[in-house]
Amino acid sequence: MGAGRTVPVVVAVVLATIGVLFPVWTDEEIAGWVKWLVTLGLVAFFAWLVIGSARAATVADAAGLRVRGLVRVRRLAWTEIQDIRVEVNHGAAMNRNAPGLVSYAYGPRGRQVQLMYVDDAHVDLDREIGFLRRVWEERRGDAWAPDAGAADRIGRGEARRLAVMSGISWAMLSFIPLTLLMLLALFTKVPDALKDVLTPWIIMGVGVPVAFLVGTCLSYLRERRTG
Protein backbone atom coordinates (compact mmCIF):
# COMPACT_ATOMS: atom_id res chain seq x y z
CA MET A 1 0.00 0.00 0.00
CA GLY A 2 1.29 3.42 -0.89
CA ALA A 3 2.23 5.71 1.99
CA GLY A 4 -0.37 8.22 0.85
CA ARG A 5 -3.13 5.66 1.29
CA THR A 6 -2.06 4.46 4.74
CA VAL A 7 -3.09 7.68 6.50
CA PRO A 8 -6.73 7.60 5.27
CA VAL A 9 -6.98 3.96 6.38
CA VAL A 10 -5.73 4.85 9.87
CA VAL A 11 -8.13 7.81 10.10
CA ALA A 12 -11.07 5.68 8.98
CA VAL A 13 -10.20 2.99 11.52
CA VAL A 14 -9.87 5.52 14.37
CA LEU A 15 -13.23 7.09 13.52
CA ALA A 16 -14.87 3.66 13.27
CA THR A 17 -13.40 2.66 16.65
CA ILE A 18 -14.69 5.83 18.31
CA GLY A 19 -18.10 5.41 16.68
CA VAL A 20 -18.46 1.85 17.98
CA LEU A 21 -17.09 2.50 21.47
CA PHE A 22 -18.97 5.73 22.20
CA PRO A 23 -22.38 4.10 22.80
CA VAL A 24 -20.69 1.34 24.82
CA TRP A 25 -19.01 3.74 27.22
CA THR A 26 -22.06 6.01 27.54
CA ASP A 27 -24.37 3.12 28.42
CA GLU A 28 -24.49 3.04 32.24
CA GLU A 29 -26.07 -0.42 32.28
CA ILE A 30 -22.95 -2.06 30.84
CA ALA A 31 -20.47 -3.22 33.46
CA GLY A 32 -17.06 -1.55 33.56
CA TRP A 33 -15.13 -4.78 32.94
CA VAL A 34 -17.29 -5.48 29.88
CA LYS A 35 -16.55 -2.01 28.50
CA TRP A 36 -12.81 -2.57 28.92
CA LEU A 37 -13.01 -6.04 27.40
CA VAL A 38 -14.89 -4.76 24.35
CA THR A 39 -12.52 -1.79 24.02
CA LEU A 40 -9.34 -3.87 24.18
CA GLY A 41 -10.73 -6.48 21.80
CA LEU A 42 -11.89 -3.87 19.29
CA VAL A 43 -8.65 -1.88 19.44
CA ALA A 44 -6.62 -5.06 18.97
CA PHE A 45 -8.75 -6.11 16.01
CA PHE A 46 -8.56 -2.74 14.25
CA ALA A 47 -4.82 -2.49 14.94
CA TRP A 48 -4.38 -5.90 13.33
CA LEU A 49 -6.35 -4.70 10.29
CA VAL A 50 -4.20 -1.57 9.89
CA ILE A 51 -0.89 -3.38 10.37
CA GLY A 52 -1.98 -6.24 8.11
CA SER A 53 -3.12 -3.85 5.39
CA ALA A 54 0.16 -1.93 5.55
CA ARG A 55 2.27 -5.13 5.41
CA ALA A 56 0.27 -6.82 2.65
CA ALA A 57 2.19 -6.89 -0.63
CA THR A 58 2.86 -8.67 -3.90
CA VAL A 59 6.51 -9.57 -4.49
CA ALA A 60 7.96 -10.99 -7.70
CA ASP A 61 11.41 -12.56 -7.76
CA ALA A 62 13.35 -15.17 -9.71
CA ALA A 63 11.43 -18.03 -8.07
CA GLY A 64 7.91 -16.74 -8.60
CA LEU A 65 5.26 -14.64 -6.90
CA ARG A 66 4.85 -14.18 -3.17
CA VAL A 67 1.59 -12.60 -2.03
CA ARG A 68 1.42 -11.50 1.59
CA GLY A 69 -2.19 -11.02 2.65
CA LEU A 70 -3.85 -10.16 5.96
CA VAL A 71 -3.74 -13.74 7.21
CA ARG A 72 -1.11 -15.72 5.32
CA VAL A 73 1.57 -15.68 2.65
CA ARG A 74 0.89 -17.54 -0.57
CA ARG A 75 3.65 -18.54 -2.97
CA LEU A 76 3.41 -19.48 -6.63
CA ALA A 77 6.40 -20.67 -8.64
CA TRP A 78 6.49 -19.37 -12.20
CA THR A 79 6.03 -22.93 -13.47
CA GLU A 80 2.85 -23.35 -11.36
CA ILE A 81 1.09 -20.26 -12.69
CA GLN A 82 -1.63 -20.97 -15.23
CA ASP A 83 -2.61 -17.39 -16.00
CA ILE A 84 -2.27 -13.79 -14.83
CA ARG A 85 -5.35 -11.66 -15.44
CA VAL A 86 -6.88 -8.27 -14.88
CA GLU A 87 -10.52 -8.49 -13.87
CA VAL A 88 -13.29 -6.10 -12.90
CA ASN A 89 -13.68 -5.63 -9.15
CA HIS A 90 -17.41 -6.21 -8.78
CA GLY A 91 -17.32 -4.99 -5.20
CA ALA A 92 -16.28 -1.51 -6.35
CA ALA A 93 -19.93 -0.73 -7.09
CA MET A 94 -20.54 -0.69 -3.32
CA ASN A 95 -17.37 1.18 -2.36
CA ARG A 96 -16.35 4.20 -4.41
CA ASN A 97 -12.85 4.13 -2.90
CA ALA A 98 -12.18 0.57 -4.03
CA PRO A 99 -10.16 -0.11 -7.21
CA GLY A 100 -12.23 -0.76 -10.31
CA LEU A 101 -9.76 -3.29 -11.71
CA VAL A 102 -7.80 -5.89 -9.76
CA SER A 103 -5.41 -8.64 -10.81
CA TYR A 104 -5.18 -12.34 -10.10
CA ALA A 105 -2.68 -15.12 -10.63
CA TYR A 106 -4.08 -18.60 -11.14
CA GLY A 107 -2.12 -21.52 -9.78
CA PRO A 108 -2.47 -25.29 -10.09
CA ARG A 109 -6.06 -26.50 -10.58
CA GLY A 110 -7.10 -22.92 -11.32
CA ARG A 111 -6.60 -21.77 -7.71
CA GLN A 112 -7.07 -18.00 -7.60
CA VAL A 113 -4.67 -15.69 -5.77
CA GLN A 114 -5.36 -11.95 -5.76
CA LEU A 115 -2.21 -9.91 -6.32
CA MET A 116 -2.38 -7.47 -3.42
CA TYR A 117 -2.29 -3.79 -4.50
CA VAL A 118 -1.63 -4.65 -8.14
CA ASP A 119 -4.72 -2.73 -9.17
CA ASP A 120 -5.66 0.47 -10.96
CA ALA A 121 -5.73 2.44 -7.69
CA HIS A 122 -2.08 1.80 -6.81
CA VAL A 123 -0.06 1.17 -9.98
CA ASP A 124 -0.05 1.55 -13.74
CA LEU A 125 -1.94 -1.70 -14.10
CA ASP A 126 -1.35 -2.36 -17.81
CA ARG A 127 2.39 -1.83 -17.42
CA GLU A 128 2.72 -3.98 -14.29
CA ILE A 129 0.64 -6.87 -15.61
CA GLY A 130 2.46 -6.73 -18.93
CA PHE A 131 5.77 -6.96 -17.07
CA LEU A 132 4.59 -9.87 -14.89
CA ARG A 133 3.28 -11.78 -17.88
CA ARG A 134 6.58 -11.34 -19.77
CA VAL A 135 8.55 -12.58 -16.77
CA TRP A 136 6.17 -15.51 -16.32
CA GLU A 137 6.45 -16.55 -19.95
CA GLU A 138 10.24 -16.33 -19.74
CA ARG A 139 10.74 -18.02 -16.36
CA ARG A 140 8.27 -20.89 -16.75
CA GLY A 141 10.51 -22.53 -19.34
CA ASP A 142 9.91 -24.32 -22.62
CA ALA A 143 8.69 -27.46 -20.87
CA TRP A 144 5.72 -25.64 -19.30
CA ALA A 145 2.28 -26.88 -20.27
CA PRO A 146 -1.12 -25.68 -19.03
CA ASP A 147 -2.75 -27.74 -16.32
CA ALA A 148 -5.45 -29.91 -17.85
CA GLY A 149 -8.85 -28.45 -17.01
CA ALA A 150 -7.43 -25.32 -15.33
CA ALA A 151 -9.02 -22.99 -17.88
CA ASP A 152 -12.45 -24.49 -17.25
CA ARG A 153 -12.04 -24.19 -13.48
CA ILE A 154 -10.94 -20.58 -13.85
CA GLY A 155 -14.06 -19.93 -15.93
CA ARG A 156 -16.28 -21.56 -13.33
CA GLY A 157 -14.73 -19.47 -10.60
CA GLU A 158 -15.33 -16.24 -12.50
CA ALA A 159 -18.90 -17.32 -13.25
CA ARG A 160 -19.50 -17.94 -9.52
CA ARG A 161 -18.18 -14.51 -8.57
CA LEU A 162 -20.35 -12.79 -11.16
CA ALA A 163 -23.33 -14.89 -10.07
CA VAL A 164 -22.93 -13.85 -6.42
CA MET A 165 -22.79 -10.16 -7.36
CA SER A 166 -25.86 -10.61 -9.54
CA GLY A 167 -27.63 -12.36 -6.66
CA ILE A 168 -26.84 -9.45 -4.36
CA SER A 169 -28.29 -7.04 -6.93
CA TRP A 170 -31.44 -9.14 -7.19
CA ALA A 171 -31.77 -9.19 -3.40
CA MET A 172 -31.42 -5.39 -3.19
CA LEU A 173 -33.94 -4.81 -5.99
CA SER A 174 -36.38 -7.22 -4.36
CA PHE A 175 -36.84 -4.83 -1.42
CA ILE A 176 -39.15 -2.62 -3.50
CA PRO A 177 -41.77 -5.23 -4.51
CA LEU A 178 -41.45 -7.03 -1.17
CA THR A 179 -42.07 -3.79 0.72
CA LEU A 180 -45.16 -3.13 -1.40
CA LEU A 181 -46.37 -6.67 -0.69
CA MET A 182 -45.73 -6.18 3.02
CA LEU A 183 -47.69 -2.90 3.07
CA LEU A 184 -50.50 -4.52 1.09
CA ALA A 185 -50.73 -7.30 3.66
CA LEU A 186 -50.71 -4.81 6.54
CA PHE A 187 -53.26 -2.31 5.29
CA THR A 188 -55.64 -4.40 3.23
CA LYS A 189 -57.84 -7.34 4.06
CA VAL A 190 -56.22 -10.61 3.04
CA PRO A 191 -57.71 -14.12 3.20
CA ASP A 192 -57.38 -15.80 6.58
CA ALA A 193 -55.26 -18.54 5.01
CA LEU A 194 -52.61 -15.95 4.08
CA LYS A 195 -52.56 -13.94 7.29
CA ASP A 196 -49.95 -16.15 8.91
CA VAL A 197 -47.88 -16.26 5.72
CA LEU A 198 -47.87 -12.62 4.64
CA THR A 199 -46.18 -11.25 7.73
CA PRO A 200 -43.30 -8.75 7.43
CA TRP A 201 -40.81 -11.24 8.88
CA ILE A 202 -41.77 -14.00 6.47
CA ILE A 203 -42.04 -11.72 3.43
CA MET A 204 -38.57 -10.25 3.98
CA GLY A 205 -36.99 -13.28 5.62
CA VAL A 206 -38.00 -15.58 2.78
CA GLY A 207 -38.34 -13.19 -0.16
CA VAL A 208 -34.86 -11.64 -0.01
CA PRO A 209 -32.95 -14.96 0.22
CA VAL A 210 -35.11 -16.42 -2.56
CA ALA A 211 -34.38 -13.42 -4.78
CA PHE A 212 -30.66 -13.84 -4.06
CA LEU A 213 -30.71 -17.55 -4.89
CA VAL A 214 -32.73 -17.09 -8.08
CA GLY A 215 -30.50 -14.24 -9.29
CA THR A 216 -27.35 -16.21 -8.45
CA CYS A 217 -28.48 -19.39 -10.20
CA LEU A 218 -29.74 -17.63 -13.34
CA SER A 219 -26.56 -15.56 -13.61
CA TYR A 220 -24.33 -18.60 -13.16
CA LEU A 221 -26.18 -20.56 -15.84
CA ARG A 222 -25.99 -17.57 -18.21
CA GLU A 223 -22.26 -17.04 -17.62
CA ARG A 224 -21.46 -20.72 -18.14
CA ARG A 225 -23.54 -20.84 -21.30
CA THR A 226 -22.01 -17.70 -22.83
CA GLY A 227 -18.52 -18.12 -21.38
C-alpha atoms as a PDB file:
ATOM      1  CA  MET A   1       0.000   0.000   0.000  1.00  0.00           C
ATOM      2  CA  GLY A   2       1.295   3.425  -0.890  1.00  0.00           C
ATOM      3  CA  ALA A   3       2.225   5.715   1.986  1.00  0.00           C
ATOM      4  CA  GLY A   4      -0.369   8.224   0.848  1.00  0.00           C
ATOM      5  CA  ARG A   5      -3.127   5.661   1.289  1.00  0.00           C
ATOM      6  CA  THR A   6      -2.062   4.458   4.742  1.00  0.00           C
ATOM      7  CA  VAL A   7      -3.088   7.683   6.500  1.00  0.00           C
ATOM      8  CA  PRO A   8      -6.731   7.597   5.265  1.00  0.00           C
ATOM      9  CA  VAL A   9      -6.978   3.964   6.385  1.00  0.00           C
ATOM     10  CA  VAL A  10      -5.734   4.852   9.874  1.00  0.00           C
ATOM     11  CA  VAL A  11      -8.129   7.813  10.095  1.00  0.00           C
ATOM     12  CA  ALA A  12     -11.074   5.677   8.982  1.00  0.00           C
ATOM     13  CA  VAL A  13     -10.205   2.987  11.524  1.00  0.00           C
ATOM     14  CA  VAL A  14      -9.869   5.522  14.372  1.00  0.00           C
ATOM     15  CA  LEU A  15     -13.233   7.087  13.522  1.00  0.00           C
ATOM     16  CA  ALA A  16     -14.866   3.664  13.273  1.00  0.00           C
ATOM     17  CA  THR A  17     -13.398   2.664  16.650  1.00  0.00           C
ATOM     18  CA  ILE A  18     -14.692   5.829  18.311  1.00  0.00           C
ATOM     19  CA  GLY A  19     -18.101   5.405  16.678  1.00  0.00           C
ATOM     20  CA  VAL A  20     -18.456   1.855  17.983  1.00  0.00           C
ATOM     21  CA  LEU A  21     -17.091   2.498  21.470  1.00  0.00           C
ATOM     22  CA  PHE A  22     -18.974   5.731  22.203  1.00  0.00           C
ATOM     23  CA  PRO A  23     -22.381   4.096  22.797  1.00  0.00           C
ATOM     24  CA  VAL A  24     -20.690   1.340  24.816  1.00  0.00           C
ATOM     25  CA  TRP A  25     -19.012   3.744  27.225  1.00  0.00           C
ATOM     26  CA  THR A  26     -22.065   6.014  27.545  1.00  0.00           C
ATOM     27  CA  ASP A  27     -24.368   3.118  28.424  1.00  0.00           C
ATOM     28  CA  GLU A  28     -24.487   3.042  32.244  1.00  0.00           C
ATOM     29  CA  GLU A  29     -26.075  -0.422  32.281  1.00  0.00           C
ATOM     30  CA  ILE A  30     -22.948  -2.063  30.840  1.00  0.00           C
ATOM     31  CA  ALA A  31     -20.473  -3.222  33.464  1.00  0.00           C
ATOM     32  CA  GLY A  32     -17.058  -1.552  33.561  1.00  0.00           C
ATOM     33  CA  TRP A  33     -15.127  -4.776  32.940  1.00  0.00           C
ATOM     34  CA  VAL A  34     -17.294  -5.475  29.882  1.00  0.00           C
ATOM     35  CA  LYS A  35     -16.547  -2.010  28.504  1.00  0.00           C
ATOM     36  CA  TRP A  36     -12.808  -2.567  28.918  1.00  0.00           C
ATOM     37  CA  LEU A  37     -13.008  -6.038  27.401  1.00  0.00           C
ATOM     38  CA  VAL A  38     -14.892  -4.759  24.352  1.00  0.00           C
ATOM     39  CA  THR A  39     -12.518  -1.790  24.016  1.00  0.00           C
ATOM     40  CA  LEU A  40      -9.338  -3.869  24.184  1.00  0.00           C
ATOM     41  CA  GLY A  41     -10.731  -6.475  21.800  1.00  0.00           C
ATOM     42  CA  LEU A  42     -11.888  -3.874  19.292  1.00  0.00           C
ATOM     43  CA  VAL A  43      -8.651  -1.876  19.436  1.00  0.00           C
ATOM     44  CA  ALA A  44      -6.615  -5.061  18.968  1.00  0.00           C
ATOM     45  CA  PHE A  45      -8.751  -6.109  16.012  1.00  0.00           C
ATOM     46  CA  PHE A  46      -8.562  -2.745  14.250  1.00  0.00           C
ATOM     47  CA  ALA A  47      -4.820  -2.488  14.943  1.00  0.00           C
ATOM     48  CA  TRP A  48      -4.382  -5.902  13.328  1.00  0.00           C
ATOM     49  CA  LEU A  49      -6.348  -4.696  10.292  1.00  0.00           C
ATOM     50  CA  VAL A  50      -4.203  -1.569   9.892  1.00  0.00           C
ATOM     51  CA  ILE A  51      -0.886  -3.382  10.368  1.00  0.00           C
ATOM     52  CA  GLY A  52      -1.977  -6.245   8.115  1.00  0.00           C
ATOM     53  CA  SER A  53      -3.122  -3.854   5.394  1.00  0.00           C
ATOM     54  CA  ALA A  54       0.162  -1.929   5.547  1.00  0.00           C
ATOM     55  CA  ARG A  55       2.269  -5.127   5.405  1.00  0.00           C
ATOM     56  CA  ALA A  56       0.270  -6.820   2.648  1.00  0.00           C
ATOM     57  CA  ALA A  57       2.187  -6.895  -0.632  1.00  0.00           C
ATOM     58  CA  THR A  58       2.863  -8.667  -3.899  1.00  0.00           C
ATOM     59  CA  VAL A  59       6.509  -9.566  -4.493  1.00  0.00           C
ATOM     60  CA  ALA A  60       7.961 -10.988  -7.702  1.00  0.00           C
ATOM     61  CA  ASP A  61      11.408 -12.563  -7.757  1.00  0.00           C
ATOM     62  CA  ALA A  62      13.346 -15.171  -9.711  1.00  0.00           C
ATOM     63  CA  ALA A  63      11.432 -18.029  -8.072  1.00  0.00           C
ATOM     64  CA  GLY A  64       7.907 -16.743  -8.604  1.00  0.00           C
ATOM     65  CA  LEU A  65       5.257 -14.643  -6.903  1.00  0.00           C
ATOM     66  CA  ARG A  66       4.855 -14.177  -3.165  1.00  0.00           C
ATOM     67  CA  VAL A  67       1.591 -12.602  -2.031  1.00  0.00           C
ATOM     68  CA  ARG A  68       1.422 -11.502   1.594  1.00  0.00           C
ATOM     69  CA  GLY A  69      -2.193 -11.021   2.649  1.00  0.00           C
ATOM     70  CA  LEU A  70      -3.845 -10.163   5.963  1.00  0.00           C
ATOM     71  CA  VAL A  71      -3.743 -13.739   7.210  1.00  0.00           C
ATOM     72  CA  ARG A  72      -1.106 -15.718   5.321  1.00  0.00           C
ATOM     73  CA  VAL A  73       1.571 -15.682   2.654  1.00  0.00           C
ATOM     74  CA  ARG A  74       0.888 -17.544  -0.569  1.00  0.00           C
ATOM     75  CA  ARG A  75       3.649 -18.540  -2.974  1.00  0.00           C
ATOM     76  CA  LEU A  76       3.414 -19.485  -6.628  1.00  0.00           C
ATOM     77  CA  ALA A  77       6.396 -20.669  -8.636  1.00  0.00           C
ATOM     78  CA  TRP A  78       6.489 -19.374 -12.200  1.00  0.00           C
ATOM     79  CA  THR A  79       6.032 -22.931 -13.465  1.00  0.00           C
ATOM     80  CA  GLU A  80       2.855 -23.347 -11.357  1.00  0.00           C
ATOM     81  CA  ILE A  81       1.085 -20.265 -12.688  1.00  0.00           C
ATOM     82  CA  GLN A  82      -1.634 -20.968 -15.233  1.00  0.00           C
ATOM     83  CA  ASP A  83      -2.609 -17.394 -16.004  1.00  0.00           C
ATOM     84  CA  ILE A  84      -2.268 -13.787 -14.831  1.00  0.00           C
ATOM     85  CA  ARG A  85      -5.349 -11.662 -15.440  1.00  0.00           C
ATOM     86  CA  VAL A  86      -6.878  -8.268 -14.880  1.00  0.00           C
ATOM     87  CA  GLU A  87     -10.525  -8.488 -13.865  1.00  0.00           C
ATOM     88  CA  VAL A  88     -13.285  -6.097 -12.895  1.00  0.00           C
ATOM     89  CA  ASN A  89     -13.680  -5.628  -9.151  1.00  0.00           C
ATOM     90  CA  HIS A  90     -17.409  -6.209  -8.781  1.00  0.00           C
ATOM     91  CA  GLY A  91     -17.322  -4.990  -5.197  1.00  0.00           C
ATOM     92  CA  ALA A  92     -16.277  -1.505  -6.354  1.00  0.00           C
ATOM     93  CA  ALA A  93     -19.930  -0.731  -7.091  1.00  0.00           C
ATOM     94  CA  MET A  94     -20.538  -0.694  -3.321  1.00  0.00           C
ATOM     95  CA  ASN A  95     -17.368   1.182  -2.363  1.00  0.00           C
ATOM     96  CA  ARG A  96     -16.353   4.200  -4.411  1.00  0.00           C
ATOM     97  CA  ASN A  97     -12.846   4.130  -2.904  1.00  0.00           C
ATOM     98  CA  ALA A  98     -12.181   0.572  -4.029  1.00  0.00           C
ATOM     99  CA  PRO A  99     -10.162  -0.107  -7.207  1.00  0.00           C
ATOM    100  CA  GLY A 100     -12.228  -0.756 -10.310  1.00  0.00           C
ATOM    101  CA  LEU A 101      -9.760  -3.291 -11.714  1.00  0.00           C
ATOM    102  CA  VAL A 102      -7.797  -5.892  -9.764  1.00  0.00           C
ATOM    103  CA  SER A 103      -5.409  -8.636 -10.815  1.00  0.00           C
ATOM    104  CA  TYR A 104      -5.177 -12.344 -10.098  1.00  0.00           C
ATOM    105  CA  ALA A 105      -2.683 -15.120 -10.628  1.00  0.00           C
ATOM    106  CA  TYR A 106      -4.080 -18.597 -11.141  1.00  0.00           C
ATOM    107  CA  GLY A 107      -2.123 -21.520  -9.775  1.00  0.00           C
ATOM    108  CA  PRO A 108      -2.471 -25.288 -10.089  1.00  0.00           C
ATOM    109  CA  ARG A 109      -6.056 -26.496 -10.581  1.00  0.00           C
ATOM    110  CA  GLY A 110      -7.097 -22.918 -11.320  1.00  0.00           C
ATOM    111  CA  ARG A 111      -6.600 -21.770  -7.711  1.00  0.00           C
ATOM    112  CA  GLN A 112      -7.072 -17.999  -7.604  1.00  0.00           C
ATOM    113  CA  VAL A 113      -4.674 -15.688  -5.771  1.00  0.00           C
ATOM    114  CA  GLN A 114      -5.362 -11.950  -5.764  1.00  0.00           C
ATOM    115  CA  LEU A 115      -2.209  -9.906  -6.318  1.00  0.00           C
ATOM    116  CA  MET A 116      -2.384  -7.467  -3.422  1.00  0.00           C
ATOM    117  CA  TYR A 117      -2.285  -3.790  -4.496  1.00  0.00           C
ATOM    118  CA  VAL A 118      -1.625  -4.655  -8.135  1.00  0.00           C
ATOM    119  CA  ASP A 119      -4.717  -2.727  -9.172  1.00  0.00           C
ATOM    120  CA  ASP A 120      -5.661   0.471 -10.956  1.00  0.00           C
ATOM    121  CA  ALA A 121      -5.729   2.439  -7.692  1.00  0.00           C
ATOM    122  CA  HIS A 122      -2.079   1.796  -6.811  1.00  0.00           C
ATOM    123  CA  VAL A 123      -0.064   1.168  -9.984  1.00  0.00           C
ATOM    124  CA  ASP A 124      -0.052   1.547 -13.741  1.00  0.00           C
ATOM    125  CA  LEU A 125      -1.940  -1.701 -14.104  1.00  0.00           C
ATOM    126  CA  ASP A 126      -1.355  -2.361 -17.813  1.00  0.00           C
ATOM    127  CA  ARG A 127       2.386  -1.826 -17.417  1.00  0.00           C
ATOM    128  CA  GLU A 128       2.725  -3.981 -14.286  1.00  0.00           C
ATOM    129  CA  ILE A 129       0.644  -6.870 -15.611  1.00  0.00           C
ATOM    130  CA  GLY A 130       2.461  -6.726 -18.935  1.00  0.00           C
ATOM    131  CA  PHE A 131       5.769  -6.964 -17.071  1.00  0.00           C
ATOM    132  CA  LEU A 132       4.594  -9.870 -14.894  1.00  0.00           C
ATOM    133  CA  ARG A 133       3.285 -11.780 -17.884  1.00  0.00           C
ATOM    134  CA  ARG A 134       6.576 -11.336 -19.766  1.00  0.00           C
ATOM    135  CA  VAL A 135       8.554 -12.575 -16.769  1.00  0.00           C
ATOM    136  CA  TRP A 136       6.170 -15.511 -16.317  1.00  0.00           C
ATOM    137  CA  GLU A 137       6.447 -16.554 -19.955  1.00  0.00           C
ATOM    138  CA  GLU A 138      10.237 -16.329 -19.740  1.00  0.00           C
ATOM    139  CA  ARG A 139      10.744 -18.017 -16.358  1.00  0.00           C
ATOM    140  CA  ARG A 140       8.269 -20.894 -16.750  1.00  0.00           C
ATOM    141  CA  GLY A 141      10.509 -22.533 -19.338  1.00  0.00           C
ATOM    142  CA  ASP A 142       9.912 -24.320 -22.621  1.00  0.00           C
ATOM    143  CA  ALA A 143       8.690 -27.462 -20.875  1.00  0.00           C
ATOM    144  CA  TRP A 144       5.721 -25.644 -19.300  1.00  0.00           C
ATOM    145  CA  ALA A 145       2.280 -26.878 -20.274  1.00  0.00           C
ATOM    146  CA  PRO A 146      -1.117 -25.683 -19.034  1.00  0.00           C
ATOM    147  CA  ASP A 147      -2.752 -27.737 -16.316  1.00  0.00           C
ATOM    148  CA  ALA A 148      -5.452 -29.912 -17.854  1.00  0.00           C
ATOM    149  CA  GLY A 149      -8.853 -28.447 -17.014  1.00  0.00           C
ATOM    150  CA  ALA A 150      -7.431 -25.323 -15.335  1.00  0.00           C
ATOM    151  CA  ALA A 151      -9.017 -22.993 -17.881  1.00  0.00           C
ATOM    152  CA  ASP A 152     -12.449 -24.494 -17.247  1.00  0.00           C
ATOM    153  CA  ARG A 153     -12.037 -24.193 -13.475  1.00  0.00           C
ATOM    154  CA  ILE A 154     -10.943 -20.576 -13.847  1.00  0.00           C
ATOM    155  CA  GLY A 155     -14.056 -19.931 -15.933  1.00  0.00           C
ATOM    156  CA  ARG A 156     -16.285 -21.556 -13.333  1.00  0.00           C
ATOM    157  CA  GLY A 157     -14.730 -19.467 -10.596  1.00  0.00           C
ATOM    158  CA  GLU A 158     -15.328 -16.238 -12.503  1.00  0.00           C
ATOM    159  CA  ALA A 159     -18.903 -17.321 -13.251  1.00  0.00           C
ATOM    160  CA  ARG A 160     -19.500 -17.939  -9.525  1.00  0.00           C
ATOM    161  CA  ARG A 161     -18.178 -14.505  -8.568  1.00  0.00           C
ATOM    162  CA  LEU A 162     -20.352 -12.795 -11.161  1.00  0.00           C
ATOM    163  CA  ALA A 163     -23.326 -14.885 -10.071  1.00  0.00           C
ATOM    164  CA  VAL A 164     -22.934 -13.855  -6.417  1.00  0.00           C
ATOM    165  CA  MET A 165     -22.787 -10.161  -7.357  1.00  0.00           C
ATOM    166  CA  SER A 166     -25.855 -10.608  -9.536  1.00  0.00           C
ATOM    167  CA  GLY A 167     -27.631 -12.357  -6.663  1.00  0.00           C
ATOM    168  CA  ILE A 168     -26.842  -9.447  -4.356  1.00  0.00           C
ATOM    169  CA  SER A 169     -28.286  -7.036  -6.934  1.00  0.00           C
ATOM    170  CA  TRP A 170     -31.445  -9.144  -7.195  1.00  0.00           C
ATOM    171  CA  ALA A 171     -31.766  -9.192  -3.400  1.00  0.00           C
ATOM    172  CA  MET A 172     -31.415  -5.394  -3.193  1.00  0.00           C
ATOM    173  CA  LEU A 173     -33.935  -4.811  -5.986  1.00  0.00           C
ATOM    174  CA  SER A 174     -36.383  -7.222  -4.364  1.00  0.00           C
ATOM    175  CA  PHE A 175     -36.837  -4.830  -1.421  1.00  0.00           C
ATOM    176  CA  ILE A 176     -39.146  -2.619  -3.497  1.00  0.00           C
ATOM    177  CA  PRO A 177     -41.774  -5.226  -4.514  1.00  0.00           C
ATOM    178  CA  LEU A 178     -41.447  -7.034  -1.174  1.00  0.00           C
ATOM    179  CA  THR A 179     -42.067  -3.791   0.715  1.00  0.00           C
ATOM    180  CA  LEU A 180     -45.156  -3.134  -1.404  1.00  0.00           C
ATOM    181  CA  LEU A 181     -46.367  -6.668  -0.686  1.00  0.00           C
ATOM    182  CA  MET A 182     -45.732  -6.182   3.018  1.00  0.00           C
ATOM    183  CA  LEU A 183     -47.692  -2.902   3.073  1.00  0.00           C
ATOM    184  CA  LEU A 184     -50.498  -4.521   1.090  1.00  0.00           C
ATOM    185  CA  ALA A 185     -50.734  -7.298   3.661  1.00  0.00           C
ATOM    186  CA  LEU A 186     -50.705  -4.813   6.540  1.00  0.00           C
ATOM    187  CA  PHE A 187     -53.259  -2.310   5.293  1.00  0.00           C
ATOM    188  CA  THR A 188     -55.644  -4.401   3.226  1.00  0.00           C
ATOM    189  CA  LYS A 189     -57.835  -7.345   4.056  1.00  0.00           C
ATOM    190  CA  VAL A 190     -56.225 -10.610   3.044  1.00  0.00           C
ATOM    191  CA  PRO A 191     -57.707 -14.117   3.198  1.00  0.00           C
ATOM    192  CA  ASP A 192     -57.381 -15.803   6.575  1.00  0.00           C
ATOM    193  CA  ALA A 193     -55.257 -18.543   5.010  1.00  0.00           C
ATOM    194  CA  LEU A 194     -52.610 -15.953   4.077  1.00  0.00           C
ATOM    195  CA  LYS A 195     -52.559 -13.943   7.293  1.00  0.00           C
ATOM    196  CA  ASP A 196     -49.949 -16.152   8.915  1.00  0.00           C
ATOM    197  CA  VAL A 197     -47.885 -16.257   5.720  1.00  0.00           C
ATOM    198  CA  LEU A 198     -47.868 -12.622   4.638  1.00  0.00           C
ATOM    199  CA  THR A 199     -46.181 -11.248   7.733  1.00  0.00           C
ATOM    200  CA  PRO A 200     -43.297  -8.751   7.429  1.00  0.00           C
ATOM    201  CA  TRP A 201     -40.813 -11.243   8.880  1.00  0.00           C
ATOM    202  CA  ILE A 202     -41.766 -13.995   6.467  1.00  0.00           C
ATOM    203  CA  ILE A 203     -42.036 -11.719   3.433  1.00  0.00           C
ATOM    204  CA  MET A 204     -38.570 -10.250   3.977  1.00  0.00           C
ATOM    205  CA  GLY A 205     -36.992 -13.277   5.624  1.00  0.00           C
ATOM    206  CA  VAL A 206     -37.995 -15.580   2.776  1.00  0.00           C
ATOM    207  CA  GLY A 207     -38.340 -13.190  -0.156  1.00  0.00           C
ATOM    208  CA  VAL A 208     -34.864 -11.638  -0.007  1.00  0.00           C
ATOM    209  CA  PRO A 209     -32.946 -14.965   0.220  1.00  0.00           C
ATOM    210  CA  VAL A 210     -35.113 -16.420  -2.559  1.00  0.00           C
ATOM    211  CA  ALA A 211     -34.377 -13.415  -4.784  1.00  0.00           C
ATOM    212  CA  PHE A 212     -30.662 -13.835  -4.055  1.00  0.00           C
ATOM    213  CA  LEU A 213     -30.706 -17.555  -4.892  1.00  0.00           C
ATOM    214  CA  VAL A 214     -32.730 -17.088  -8.083  1.00  0.00           C
ATOM    215  CA  GLY A 215     -30.496 -14.244  -9.293  1.00  0.00           C
ATOM    216  CA  THR A 216     -27.350 -16.206  -8.453  1.00  0.00           C
ATOM    217  CA  CYS A 217     -28.483 -19.390 -10.203  1.00  0.00           C
ATOM    218  CA  LEU A 218     -29.737 -17.632 -13.339  1.00  0.00           C
ATOM    219  CA  SER A 219     -26.565 -15.560 -13.613  1.00  0.00           C
ATOM    220  CA  TYR A 220     -24.330 -18.597 -13.164  1.00  0.00           C
ATOM    221  CA  LEU A 221     -26.177 -20.557 -15.837  1.00  0.00           C
ATOM    222  CA  ARG A 222     -25.985 -17.571 -18.206  1.00  0.00           C
ATOM    223  CA  GLU A 223     -22.258 -17.043 -17.617  1.00  0.00           C
ATOM    224  CA  ARG A 224     -21.456 -20.725 -18.136  1.00  0.00           C
ATOM    225  CA  ARG A 225     -23.538 -20.838 -21.299  1.00  0.00           C
ATOM    226  CA  THR A 226     -22.011 -17.700 -22.832  1.00  0.00           C
ATOM    227  CA  GLY A 227     -18.521 -18.121 -21.382  1.00  0.00           C
END
